[in-house]
Amino acid sequence: QAQLVESGGGLVQAGGSLRLSCAASGRTFSTSTMGWFRQAPGKEREFVTAQTWTGATTYGDSVKGRFTISRERAKNTMYLQMNSLQPEDTAVYYCAAGPAGVPRRPIDYDYWGQGTQVTVSS
């Protein structure tokens, strides 16, 4: 059974950095698109970034230039480096996998992690 597990969330001050990890197990996602979403209280799940297995990458406008996605296929793991964090980045961050291309809708992804909380204090 495929499983995605996020880690690395926490509390950070505005301007700080965090790196999230998403470890996959149960199957390989080396030829799948993988991505990150986030959801703040009372808001819809928001696209953050995604990367195809060939390396094509796209970012949401609110994180462009501050966040970087990367993948380590040998470890079946994906990362999200988050720099210059702001209070509006506070949310539960989810990793997802499955589709072709780099879709931005949650419904297009087949596999989801349980989420990790990121809180940015001002």
Protein backbone atom coordinates (compact mmCIF):
# COMPACT_ATOMS: atom_id res chain seq x y z
CA GLN A 1 0.00 0.00 0.00
CA ALA A 2 1.45 3.33 -1.09
CA GLN A 3 2.06 5.83 1.66
CA LEU A 4 3.41 9.37 1.83
CA VAL A 5 4.72 10.73 5.12
CA GLU A 6 5.63 14.38 5.63
CA SER A 7 8.03 15.68 8.24
CA GLY A 8 9.95 18.83 9.06
CA GLY A 9 7.16 21.18 10.01
CA GLY A 10 7.34 23.40 13.06
CA LEU A 11 7.33 26.92 14.42
CA VAL A 12 9.61 29.52 12.86
CA GLN A 13 9.90 33.29 13.01
CA ALA A 14 9.10 35.44 10.01
CA GLY A 15 12.06 35.55 7.66
CA GLY A 16 13.22 32.11 8.69
CA SER A 17 13.50 28.85 6.79
CA LEU A 18 12.25 25.29 7.03
CA ARG A 19 12.74 22.18 4.94
CA LEU A 20 9.91 19.71 4.64
CA SER A 21 10.41 16.12 3.59
CA CYS A 22 7.98 13.65 2.06
CA ALA A 23 9.01 10.00 2.25
CA ALA A 24 7.20 7.57 -0.02
CA SER A 25 6.82 3.88 0.66
CA GLY A 26 4.88 0.97 -0.74
CA ARG A 27 5.64 1.88 -4.33
CA THR A 28 8.03 4.02 -6.26
CA PHE A 29 7.00 7.44 -7.49
CA SER A 30 10.13 7.94 -9.57
CA THR A 31 8.08 8.31 -12.77
CA SER A 32 5.22 10.25 -11.20
CA THR A 33 4.58 13.90 -10.63
CA MET A 34 4.91 14.86 -6.99
CA GLY A 35 3.83 18.10 -5.40
CA TRP A 36 3.07 20.13 -2.31
CA PHE A 37 -0.19 21.75 -1.24
CA ARG A 38 -1.10 23.70 1.86
CA GLN A 39 -4.27 24.47 3.72
CA ALA A 40 -4.78 27.23 6.24
CA PRO A 41 -7.73 27.20 8.68
CA GLY A 42 -10.95 28.13 6.95
CA LYS A 43 -9.36 28.16 3.50
CA GLU A 44 -9.28 25.81 0.55
CA ARG A 45 -6.30 23.60 -0.14
CA GLU A 46 -3.82 25.68 -2.13
CA PHE A 47 -1.31 24.54 -4.72
CA VAL A 48 2.29 25.25 -3.71
CA THR A 49 4.50 23.45 -6.23
CA ALA A 50 4.86 20.28 -8.29
CA GLN A 51 7.56 18.53 -10.28
CA THR A 52 7.32 15.89 -12.98
CA TRP A 53 9.64 12.92 -13.04
CA THR A 54 11.60 14.65 -15.82
CA GLY A 55 12.14 17.71 -13.66
CA ALA A 56 9.58 20.13 -15.07
CA THR A 57 8.53 22.34 -12.18
CA THR A 58 5.85 24.91 -11.45
CA TYR A 59 5.18 27.09 -8.41
CA GLY A 60 2.22 28.95 -7.03
CA ASP A 61 2.53 32.70 -7.36
CA SER A 62 2.61 33.25 -3.60
CA VAL A 63 5.72 31.12 -3.11
CA LYS A 64 7.64 31.72 -6.32
CA GLY A 65 11.21 32.75 -5.61
CA ARG A 66 11.03 31.66 -1.97
CA PHE A 67 10.25 27.93 -2.07
CA THR A 68 12.13 25.20 -3.92
CA ILE A 69 11.00 21.65 -4.61
CA SER A 70 13.46 18.83 -5.08
CA ARG A 71 13.40 15.06 -5.29
CA GLU A 72 15.82 12.32 -4.39
CA ARG A 73 14.66 9.36 -6.41
CA ALA A 74 17.08 6.89 -4.87
CA LYS A 75 15.40 7.55 -1.51
CA ASN A 76 11.89 7.91 -2.95
CA THR A 77 11.77 11.26 -1.14
CA MET A 78 10.70 14.77 -2.01
CA TYR A 79 11.66 18.00 -0.28
CA LEU A 80 10.34 21.53 0.02
CA GLN A 81 12.87 24.17 0.98
CA MET A 82 11.01 27.21 2.29
CA ASN A 83 12.89 30.48 2.72
CA SER A 84 11.80 33.98 3.73
CA LEU A 85 8.77 32.54 5.48
CA GLN A 86 5.94 34.89 6.33
CA PRO A 87 2.95 34.55 8.68
CA GLU A 88 0.69 34.02 5.67
CA ASP A 89 2.63 30.82 4.94
CA THR A 90 1.17 29.30 8.10
CA ALA A 91 -0.76 26.17 7.12
CA VAL A 92 -0.77 22.41 7.12
CA TYR A 93 1.46 21.29 4.28
CA TYR A 94 0.62 18.14 2.34
CA CYS A 95 2.63 16.17 -0.17
CA ALA A 96 0.85 14.50 -3.03
CA ALA A 97 1.67 12.27 -5.95
CA GLY A 98 0.26 10.61 -8.98
CA PRO A 99 -0.71 12.61 -12.03
CA ALA A 100 0.97 13.34 -15.30
CA GLY A 101 2.06 16.88 -16.00
CA VAL A 102 1.96 19.49 -13.26
CA PRO A 103 -1.72 19.97 -12.41
CA ARG A 104 -2.67 22.45 -9.72
CA ARG A 105 -5.96 20.94 -8.57
CA PRO A 106 -5.96 18.63 -5.53
CA ILE A 107 -8.49 16.38 -7.24
CA ASP A 108 -5.88 15.48 -9.86
CA TYR A 109 -3.61 13.78 -7.30
CA ASP A 110 -4.07 10.16 -6.26
CA TYR A 111 -1.90 9.87 -3.15
CA TRP A 112 -1.69 12.17 -0.12
CA GLY A 113 0.27 12.42 3.06
CA GLN A 114 -1.26 13.23 6.43
CA GLY A 115 0.18 16.75 6.51
CA THR A 116 2.67 18.62 8.65
CA GLN A 117 1.99 21.90 10.42
CA VAL A 118 4.05 24.97 9.60
CA THR A 119 3.53 28.02 11.80
CA VAL A 120 5.28 31.31 11.11
CA SER A 121 5.23 33.89 13.87
CA SER A 122 5.49 37.62 13.22
